Amino acid sequence: MKINGTKLKHNKNTASCETIDLPVPERVVIPMAQSLGGACEPLVKKGDRVLVGQKIGDSEQILSCPVHSSVSGTVTAIGEILMAAGRKCKTVEIETDGRQELSPDIKPPMITDKKSLCEALRESGCCGLGGAGFPTHLKLNYNAERHHVDTLIINAAECEPYITSDHREMLEDADNVISAIALIMQTLDIDNAYIGIENNKPDAIRLMQEKAAKYENINVKVLRSSYPQGAEKTLIYNLIGRTVREGELPADQGVIVMNVSTAGFFGGYVKSGMPLISRRVTVDGDIVSTPCNVRALIGTPVSELLKFADAQLDDAERIISGGPMMGVCIYDTELPTIKTMNGLLAFRRPQIKKNELLESGQTNCIRCGRCIRVCPMGLMPTYLEKAYDKRDTHRLEKLKVGLCISCGSCSYVCPAKRPLAEKNRLAKKLLRR
């Protein structure tokens, strides 16, 4: 397996910015779908009083995890929202009382075996905090008879430009990260753990090496800065040389991958019992006057984060949830902060003269091969695009579009501005149908 990639400007402007807790907003809107999987059903109704950490949404669907209130206050409505990714779901709207009274249900979990570990993860509302949002309890609840997992990989690469929330997690919550790793390894009988960090984070590397030195089987490995170094399959190959083939899960290769912020949250949850009710978010972009890392309560309007960072919203052309490569554009600044939002980027309206419009648009493929050279999965994006345009599902399967990780590298380097990554996403949906 050949691992390619592309070089991007890091733009890690907030790497040295300590996380600041945002004030409690006057109102929160908490979506019932914040992870990869089924949406929850509200457990409260209009007029109910709720407390911090109280479970307000749950579902019996397999791919789901519960939702908790991030504030104390009164439920003013059960509504509906269109999320940035195009998904509709129910919401619980809460008018806060400013008291932040804790729910009596908050207590540290008792973890003695795999079952209690996974139950604790589910009750915490934990999902992948790197952006994908896969429920963590399902990832760790693998079939031990089918999968012999011997390696835990902690993804601390954070290869997307601008975002530094994982970087700050390591600097500010290193003990929680390490304690979570040790607990998971002990409970699941995993032999080794590797923390993969890109070499543009020397302070985090030093600190994590110092903390991991107390454990013989927790290793910190330094990775070169290359996009998409943090992609799951790329990370596994670069750290331990194992190839996750098409149709396989990492567990099929004896590996579990967890984001470093997910590990940090779980380490804190084990000590306090406080479920996932807040999120560290990097706020940056060329119209943001005060780039920063903030901790926002789930349900806080993104407008509050942007105002705190002194963003000049009148000049905004794009506001992105996540990173510039794999994030999604936000259509309304009143959308709420959710569990998977690790970055909020705001960019200026481009100044394009009329005679430059043609030059800035899409042109025919010039067969330069750049997209093929940078694809980390060794795919041929330009051929995949042609196959999708013809709706040739047999060709798409033969070209292995299912291996595409939607990193966006092909679209980024294409001088003809072809929407290659976008076509791959549509092609995968076509095959699923």
Protein backbone atom coordinates (compact mmCIF):
# COMPACT_ATOMS: atom_id res chain seq x y z
CA MET A 1 0.00 0.00 0.00
CA LYS A 2 1.49 3.31 -1.10
CA ILE A 3 0.80 6.25 1.19
CA ASN A 4 0.71 9.56 -0.67
CA GLY A 5 -0.64 12.91 0.44
CA THR A 6 -0.17 16.61 -0.07
CA LYS A 7 1.55 19.45 1.72
CA LEU A 8 -0.70 22.15 3.12
CA LYS A 9 0.04 25.35 4.97
CA HIS A 10 -0.48 24.52 8.63
CA ASN A 11 -1.93 27.90 9.70
CA LYS A 12 -1.95 26.67 13.30
CA ASN A 13 -2.43 30.21 14.58
CA THR A 14 -4.05 29.13 17.84
CA ALA A 15 -1.58 26.43 18.92
CA SER A 16 -0.44 28.52 21.90
CA CYS A 17 -3.93 29.76 22.82
CA GLU A 18 -5.20 28.22 26.05
CA THR A 19 -8.83 27.15 26.00
CA ILE A 20 -11.29 29.76 27.28
CA ASP A 21 -14.68 28.78 28.70
CA LEU A 22 -17.48 30.68 26.98
CA PRO A 23 -20.23 32.17 29.17
CA VAL A 24 -23.48 30.24 29.50
CA PRO A 25 -25.75 31.43 26.67
CA GLU A 26 -29.28 32.68 27.30
CA ARG A 27 -30.67 29.85 25.16
CA VAL A 28 -29.42 26.58 23.73
CA VAL A 29 -30.79 24.41 20.94
CA ILE A 30 -29.61 20.83 21.39
CA PRO A 31 -30.00 18.56 18.31
CA MET A 32 -31.03 14.95 18.86
CA ALA A 33 -28.60 13.76 16.15
CA GLN A 34 -24.98 14.62 16.90
CA SER A 35 -23.20 11.37 16.09
CA LEU A 36 -22.90 9.02 13.15
CA GLY A 37 -26.07 6.96 13.37
CA GLY A 38 -29.69 7.16 14.42
CA ALA A 39 -31.21 10.27 15.91
CA CYS A 40 -32.47 10.24 19.49
CA GLU A 41 -36.03 10.91 20.61
CA PRO A 42 -36.52 13.67 23.20
CA LEU A 43 -37.09 12.44 26.76
CA VAL A 44 -38.42 15.82 27.90
CA LYS A 45 -41.31 18.04 26.87
CA LYS A 46 -42.09 21.74 26.75
CA GLY A 47 -42.24 23.25 30.23
CA ASP A 48 -39.96 20.68 31.87
CA ARG A 49 -37.09 21.91 34.02
CA VAL A 50 -33.77 20.26 33.19
CA LEU A 51 -30.40 20.15 34.92
CA VAL A 52 -26.81 20.05 33.70
CA GLY A 53 -25.86 16.54 32.63
CA GLN A 54 -29.45 15.25 32.57
CA LYS A 55 -30.21 12.84 29.74
CA ILE A 56 -32.71 14.54 27.43
CA GLY A 57 -32.55 12.29 24.35
CA ASP A 58 -31.98 8.60 23.67
CA SER A 59 -32.67 5.88 21.13
CA GLU A 60 -32.70 2.09 20.90
CA GLN A 61 -31.07 2.21 17.46
CA ILE A 62 -27.68 0.49 17.37
CA LEU A 63 -25.72 3.40 15.91
CA SER A 64 -26.74 6.01 18.45
CA CYS A 65 -25.66 7.51 21.73
CA PRO A 66 -27.68 9.62 24.19
CA VAL A 67 -27.81 13.40 24.37
CA HIS A 68 -27.55 15.36 27.63
CA SER A 69 -28.49 18.87 28.66
CA SER A 70 -25.56 21.26 28.80
CA VAL A 71 -27.44 23.78 30.95
CA SER A 72 -30.02 24.07 33.68
CA GLY A 73 -33.23 25.80 32.73
CA THR A 74 -36.67 25.29 31.19
CA VAL A 75 -37.54 23.50 27.96
CA THR A 76 -39.27 26.06 25.76
CA ALA A 77 -39.88 23.95 22.67
CA ILE A 78 -39.34 20.63 20.92
CA GLY A 79 -38.43 21.73 17.42
CA GLU A 80 -36.72 20.59 14.25
CA ILE A 81 -33.55 21.74 12.56
CA LEU A 82 -31.69 21.22 9.29
CA MET A 83 -28.09 20.47 10.22
CA ALA A 84 -25.16 21.80 8.20
CA ALA A 85 -24.61 18.36 6.62
CA GLY A 86 -28.19 18.35 5.28
CA ARG A 87 -29.77 16.11 7.91
CA LYS A 88 -33.03 17.02 9.65
CA CYS A 89 -33.55 16.11 13.29
CA LYS A 90 -35.54 17.08 16.36
CA THR A 91 -34.17 19.59 18.86
CA VAL A 92 -34.70 20.46 22.49
CA GLU A 93 -34.70 24.21 23.06
CA ILE A 94 -33.84 25.33 26.59
CA GLU A 95 -33.98 28.78 28.17
CA THR A 96 -31.12 28.83 30.66
CA ASP A 97 -31.49 30.03 34.24
CA GLY A 98 -27.79 30.82 34.72
CA ARG A 99 -27.51 28.61 37.81
CA GLN A 100 -25.99 25.54 36.12
CA GLU A 101 -27.43 23.14 38.68
CA LEU A 102 -26.07 19.62 38.29
CA SER A 103 -28.24 16.56 37.78
CA PRO A 104 -28.17 14.09 40.68
CA ASP A 105 -27.53 11.36 38.10
CA ILE A 106 -23.96 12.58 37.62
CA LYS A 107 -21.57 10.15 39.26
CA PRO A 108 -18.32 8.43 38.22
CA PRO A 109 -18.96 5.06 36.52
CA MET A 110 -17.88 1.72 37.96
CA ILE A 111 -15.78 -0.03 35.31
CA THR A 112 -14.74 -3.61 35.98
CA ASP A 113 -14.94 -5.34 32.60
CA LYS A 114 -15.61 -4.80 28.90
CA LYS A 115 -19.38 -4.67 29.35
CA SER A 116 -19.26 -1.98 32.04
CA LEU A 117 -16.67 -0.04 30.01
CA CYS A 118 -18.90 0.06 26.95
CA GLU A 119 -21.99 0.86 29.04
CA ALA A 120 -20.13 3.78 30.65
CA LEU A 121 -19.04 5.08 27.24
CA ARG A 122 -22.58 4.94 25.95
CA GLU A 123 -24.09 6.64 29.00
CA SER A 124 -21.51 9.41 28.67
CA GLY A 125 -22.81 10.26 25.20
CA CYS A 126 -19.29 9.81 23.85
CA CYS A 127 -18.69 9.72 20.11
CA GLY A 128 -15.62 10.33 17.99
CA LEU A 129 -14.55 13.93 18.62
CA GLY A 130 -12.24 14.10 15.61
CA GLY A 131 -15.22 14.92 13.41
CA ALA A 132 -16.61 11.55 12.27
CA GLY A 133 -18.79 11.04 15.35
CA PHE A 134 -18.85 7.23 15.42
CA PRO A 135 -20.27 6.07 18.79
CA THR A 136 -17.23 5.09 20.86
CA HIS A 137 -18.95 2.34 22.82
CA LEU A 138 -19.62 0.45 19.59
CA LYS A 139 -16.03 0.80 18.45
CA LEU A 140 -14.77 -0.84 21.65
CA ASN A 141 -17.53 -3.45 21.79
CA TYR A 142 -15.92 -5.61 19.10
CA ASN A 143 -16.40 -9.36 18.86
CA ALA A 144 -13.35 -10.80 20.63
CA GLU A 145 -13.85 -14.19 18.98
CA ARG A 146 -13.72 -12.65 15.52
CA HIS A 147 -11.26 -9.82 16.14
CA HIS A 148 -8.04 -10.25 18.08
CA VAL A 149 -7.32 -6.61 18.90
CA ASP A 150 -3.78 -6.14 20.16
CA THR A 151 -3.17 -2.46 19.39
CA LEU A 152 -4.83 0.81 20.41
CA ILE A 153 -3.95 3.81 18.25
CA ILE A 154 -4.58 7.33 19.50
CA ASN A 155 -5.02 9.74 16.61
CA ALA A 156 -3.31 13.00 17.58
CA ALA A 157 -2.10 13.91 14.08
CA GLU A 158 -4.55 16.80 13.58
CA CYS A 159 -3.45 17.32 10.00
CA GLU A 160 -6.23 19.74 8.98
CA PRO A 161 -5.04 23.35 8.66
CA TYR A 162 -6.07 25.88 11.34
CA ILE A 163 -7.54 23.40 13.86
CA THR A 164 -5.62 23.03 17.15
CA SER A 165 -8.27 21.58 19.48
CA ASP A 166 -6.52 18.19 19.69
CA HIS A 167 -3.19 19.94 20.23
CA ARG A 168 -4.63 21.84 23.18
CA GLU A 169 -6.22 18.62 24.50
CA MET A 170 -2.76 17.11 24.85
CA LEU A 171 -1.29 20.20 26.49
CA GLU A 172 -4.20 20.82 28.87
CA ASP A 173 -5.53 17.31 29.60
CA ALA A 174 -2.57 14.98 29.12
CA ASP A 175 -3.24 13.08 32.34
CA ASN A 176 -6.81 12.31 31.29
CA VAL A 177 -5.61 11.11 27.88
CA ILE A 178 -3.05 8.74 29.38
CA SER A 179 -5.37 7.44 32.12
CA ALA A 180 -8.06 6.64 29.53
CA ILE A 181 -5.55 4.77 27.37
CA ALA A 182 -4.31 2.74 30.34
CA LEU A 183 -7.87 1.91 31.46
CA ILE A 184 -8.98 0.79 27.99
CA MET A 185 -5.85 -1.33 27.52
CA GLN A 186 -6.25 -2.99 30.90
CA THR A 187 -9.98 -3.64 30.52
CA LEU A 188 -9.81 -4.96 26.96
CA ASP A 189 -6.47 -6.74 27.39
CA ILE A 190 -4.78 -4.77 24.61
CA ASP A 191 -1.01 -5.25 24.39
CA ASN A 192 0.23 -1.95 22.97
CA ALA A 193 -0.85 1.63 22.40
CA TYR A 194 0.62 4.18 20.00
CA ILE A 195 -0.02 7.92 20.11
CA GLY A 196 0.63 9.35 16.64
CA ILE A 197 1.51 13.07 16.61
CA GLU A 198 2.66 15.16 13.65
CA ASN A 199 6.07 16.75 14.04
CA ASN A 200 4.62 20.29 13.95
CA LYS A 201 3.56 19.89 17.60
CA PRO A 202 6.90 19.59 19.47
CA ASP A 203 5.51 20.78 22.82
CA ALA A 204 2.72 18.18 22.75
CA ILE A 205 5.20 15.48 21.72
CA ARG A 206 7.48 16.26 24.66
CA LEU A 207 4.64 16.30 27.18
CA MET A 208 3.02 13.10 25.94
CA GLN A 209 6.40 11.33 25.90
CA GLU A 210 6.93 12.41 29.50
CA LYS A 211 3.49 11.14 30.58
CA ALA A 212 3.73 7.90 28.59
CA ALA A 213 7.19 7.08 29.97
CA LYS A 214 5.53 5.66 33.09
CA TYR A 215 3.92 2.92 30.97
CA GLU A 216 6.03 0.35 29.17
CA ASN A 217 3.51 -0.35 26.43
CA ILE A 218 2.27 3.18 25.63
CA ASN A 219 4.42 4.65 22.86
CA VAL A 220 4.51 8.13 21.33
CA LYS A 221 5.41 8.12 17.64
CA VAL A 222 6.31 11.24 15.68
CA LEU A 223 4.80 11.49 12.19
CA ARG A 224 5.79 13.78 9.35
CA SER A 225 3.40 16.64 8.68
CA SER A 226 1.46 15.58 5.63
CA TYR A 227 -2.21 15.70 4.73
CA PRO A 228 -4.17 13.45 5.37
CA GLN A 229 -1.85 11.94 7.97
CA GLY A 230 -4.74 11.62 10.44
CA ALA A 231 -6.93 9.51 8.15
CA GLU A 232 -7.60 6.21 9.89
CA LYS A 233 -6.15 3.86 7.29
CA THR A 234 -3.19 6.13 6.61
CA LEU A 235 -2.43 6.43 10.32
CA ILE A 236 -2.58 2.68 10.91
CA TYR A 237 -0.21 1.99 8.03
CA ASN A 238 2.27 4.71 8.98
CA LEU A 239 2.35 3.72 12.65
CA ILE A 240 2.38 -0.07 12.58
CA GLY A 241 2.53 -1.04 8.89
CA ARG A 242 -0.85 -2.79 8.72
CA THR A 243 -3.15 -2.37 5.73
CA VAL A 244 -6.91 -2.07 6.23
CA ARG A 245 -8.31 -3.39 2.98
CA GLU A 246 -11.51 -2.46 1.19
CA GLY A 247 -14.52 -3.56 3.20
CA GLU A 248 -12.50 -4.14 6.37
CA LEU A 249 -12.65 -2.38 9.72
CA PRO A 250 -9.48 -1.58 11.68
CA ALA A 251 -10.51 -4.35 14.12
CA ASP A 252 -10.07 -6.83 11.27
CA GLN A 253 -6.38 -5.91 11.43
CA GLY A 254 -6.29 -6.06 15.22
CA VAL A 255 -6.47 -2.30 15.72
CA ILE A 256 -8.78 0.19 17.44
CA VAL A 257 -8.32 3.88 16.57
CA MET A 258 -9.50 6.62 18.93
CA ASN A 259 -9.15 10.37 18.62
CA VAL A 260 -7.03 12.00 21.32
CA SER A 261 -9.83 14.37 22.39
CA THR A 262 -12.18 11.40 22.71
CA ALA A 263 -9.65 9.72 25.01
CA GLY A 264 -9.22 12.92 27.00
CA PHE A 265 -12.96 13.31 27.48
CA PHE A 266 -13.37 9.72 28.62
CA GLY A 267 -10.50 10.04 31.08
CA GLY A 268 -12.28 13.02 32.63
CA TYR A 269 -15.66 11.27 32.60
CA VAL A 270 -14.29 8.32 34.55
CA LYS A 271 -13.23 10.74 37.31
CA SER A 272 -16.22 13.09 37.39
CA GLY A 273 -19.17 11.34 35.75
CA MET A 274 -19.93 14.48 33.72
CA PRO A 275 -21.27 13.42 30.30
CA LEU A 276 -20.35 15.05 27.01
CA ILE A 277 -21.98 18.49 27.33
CA SER A 278 -19.26 20.79 25.97
CA ARG A 279 -16.77 20.91 23.16
CA ARG A 280 -13.37 22.56 22.57
CA VAL A 281 -13.55 24.48 19.29
CA THR A 282 -10.83 26.31 17.37
CA VAL A 283 -12.19 29.59 15.98
CA ASP A 284 -10.06 31.07 13.18
CA GLY A 285 -10.07 32.44 9.65
CA ASP A 286 -9.07 35.59 7.81
CA ILE A 287 -12.03 37.62 9.14
CA VAL A 288 -11.49 36.49 12.74
CA SER A 289 -9.67 39.25 14.63
CA THR A 290 -8.94 37.16 17.73
CA PRO A 291 -8.28 33.52 16.78
CA CYS A 292 -8.78 31.33 19.83
CA ASN A 293 -9.68 27.99 21.33
CA VAL A 294 -12.94 28.07 23.27
CA ARG A 295 -14.93 25.53 25.25
CA ALA A 296 -18.57 25.94 24.29
CA LEU A 297 -21.60 24.22 25.77
CA ILE A 298 -23.39 21.92 23.33
CA GLY A 299 -26.27 23.85 21.80
CA THR A 300 -24.58 27.27 21.92
CA PRO A 301 -25.26 29.21 18.67
CA VAL A 302 -22.10 29.42 16.56
CA SER A 303 -22.71 33.17 16.35
CA GLU A 304 -21.71 33.38 20.02
CA LEU A 305 -18.35 31.73 19.25
CA LEU A 306 -17.74 34.03 16.29
CA LYS A 307 -18.64 37.17 18.26
CA PHE A 308 -16.30 36.11 21.07
CA ALA A 309 -13.48 35.80 18.51
CA ASP A 310 -14.31 39.24 17.02
CA ALA A 311 -15.23 37.87 13.59
CA GLN A 312 -16.22 40.46 10.99
CA LEU A 313 -19.31 38.61 9.82
CA ASP A 314 -20.32 41.26 7.26
CA ASP A 315 -17.28 40.18 5.24
CA ALA A 316 -17.97 36.45 5.53
CA GLU A 317 -18.10 34.37 2.37
CA ARG A 318 -17.74 30.96 3.99
CA ILE A 319 -18.20 29.72 7.55
CA ILE A 320 -17.02 26.15 7.94
CA SER A 321 -17.68 23.64 10.68
CA GLY A 322 -14.51 21.58 10.90
CA GLY A 323 -11.42 22.04 8.77
CA PRO A 324 -11.09 23.61 5.31
CA MET A 325 -10.46 20.23 3.66
CA MET A 326 -13.18 17.99 5.14
CA GLY A 327 -15.47 20.41 6.94
CA VAL A 328 -18.96 21.48 5.88
CA CYS A 329 -20.22 24.99 5.21
CA ILE A 330 -22.69 26.46 7.69
CA TYR A 331 -25.70 28.17 6.12
CA ASP A 332 -26.82 29.96 9.30
CA THR A 333 -24.77 31.32 12.20
CA GLU A 334 -27.61 30.44 14.58
CA LEU A 335 -26.91 26.75 14.09
CA PRO A 336 -25.83 25.12 17.37
CA THR A 337 -22.45 23.86 18.49
CA ILE A 338 -22.49 20.04 18.39
CA LYS A 339 -20.27 17.25 19.69
CA THR A 340 -18.34 16.75 16.44
CA MET A 341 -17.50 20.44 15.86
CA ASN A 342 -13.76 20.76 16.47
CA GLY A 343 -13.28 23.90 14.40
CA LEU A 344 -15.21 26.97 13.25
CA LEU A 345 -13.56 28.86 10.40
CA ALA A 346 -14.75 32.09 8.83
CA PHE A 347 -13.32 33.41 5.57
CA ARG A 348 -13.61 36.66 3.62
CA ARG A 349 -15.59 37.14 0.42
CA PRO A 350 -13.09 36.69 -2.45
CA GLN A 351 -12.43 39.76 -4.59
CA ILE A 352 -12.75 38.49 -8.20
CA LYS A 353 -12.80 40.89 -11.14
CA LYS A 354 -15.21 40.18 -13.98
CA ASN A 355 -12.46 39.27 -16.46
CA GLU A 356 -11.11 36.73 -13.98
CA LEU A 357 -14.37 34.80 -13.56
CA LEU A 358 -13.65 32.47 -16.49
CA GLU A 359 -10.13 31.75 -15.22
CA SER A 360 -11.43 30.96 -11.74
CA GLY A 361 -14.00 28.42 -12.95
CA GLN A 362 -13.90 24.73 -13.79
CA THR A 363 -12.22 23.59 -17.02
CA ASN A 364 -11.68 20.27 -18.74
CA CYS A 365 -9.24 17.76 -17.25
CA ILE A 366 -5.72 18.44 -18.56
CA ARG A 367 -4.49 14.91 -17.66
CA CYS A 368 -1.69 16.20 -15.42
CA GLY A 369 -2.00 13.28 -13.01
CA ARG A 370 -1.70 15.39 -9.85
CA CYS A 371 -4.84 13.89 -8.33
CA ILE A 372 -3.44 10.39 -8.75
CA ARG A 373 -0.06 11.30 -7.25
CA VAL A 374 -1.55 12.80 -4.06
CA CYS A 375 -4.33 10.27 -3.37
CA PRO A 376 -3.41 8.56 -0.08
CA MET A 377 -5.33 5.44 -1.12
CA GLY A 378 -3.67 5.11 -4.53
CA LEU A 379 -6.90 5.75 -6.44
CA MET A 380 -7.39 7.42 -9.83
CA PRO A 381 -9.84 10.27 -9.14
CA THR A 382 -10.06 11.52 -12.72
CA TYR A 383 -11.13 8.06 -13.93
CA LEU A 384 -13.55 7.75 -11.05
CA GLU A 385 -15.13 11.05 -12.06
CA LYS A 386 -15.70 9.80 -15.61
CA ALA A 387 -17.18 6.55 -14.33
CA TYR A 388 -19.55 8.42 -12.04
CA ASP A 389 -20.65 10.80 -14.80
CA LYS A 390 -21.61 7.73 -16.85
CA ARG A 391 -23.21 6.09 -13.78
CA ASP A 392 -21.01 3.07 -14.51
CA THR A 393 -21.30 1.22 -11.21
CA HIS A 394 -19.25 -1.76 -12.43
CA ARG A 395 -16.37 0.57 -13.31
CA LEU A 396 -16.67 2.41 -9.99
CA GLU A 397 -16.38 -0.88 -8.12
CA LYS A 398 -13.42 -1.98 -10.23
CA LEU A 399 -11.66 1.34 -9.54
CA LYS A 400 -12.41 0.81 -5.81
CA VAL A 401 -14.20 4.05 -5.07
CA GLY A 402 -15.16 2.48 -1.73
CA LEU A 403 -11.59 3.06 -0.55
CA CYS A 404 -11.95 6.85 -0.94
CA ILE A 405 -11.65 8.55 2.45
CA SER A 406 -13.09 11.89 1.22
CA CYS A 407 -9.96 13.80 2.26
CA GLY A 408 -10.32 16.29 -0.60
CA SER A 409 -6.66 16.14 -1.68
CA CYS A 410 -7.59 15.48 -5.32
CA SER A 411 -9.87 18.52 -5.57
CA TYR A 412 -7.28 20.64 -3.77
CA VAL A 413 -4.45 20.00 -6.26
CA CYS A 414 -6.55 19.93 -9.45
CA PRO A 415 -5.55 22.89 -11.68
CA ALA A 416 -8.77 22.42 -13.67
CA LYS A 417 -10.81 22.82 -10.48
CA ARG A 418 -12.66 19.56 -11.07
CA PRO A 419 -14.96 18.52 -8.15
CA LEU A 420 -13.22 15.16 -7.85
CA ALA A 421 -13.71 14.51 -4.14
CA GLU A 422 -17.34 15.58 -4.34
CA LYS A 423 -17.96 13.18 -7.25
CA ASN A 424 -16.41 10.35 -5.22
CA ARG A 425 -18.86 10.99 -2.37
CA LEU A 426 -21.76 10.87 -4.82
CA ALA A 427 -20.32 7.72 -6.41
CA LYS A 428 -20.23 5.94 -3.05
CA LYS A 429 -23.85 6.91 -2.40
CA LEU A 430 -24.75 5.58 -5.87
CA LEU A 431 -23.17 2.21 -5.08
CA ARG A 432 -24.93 2.02 -1.71
CA ARG A 433 -28.27 2.55 -3.45
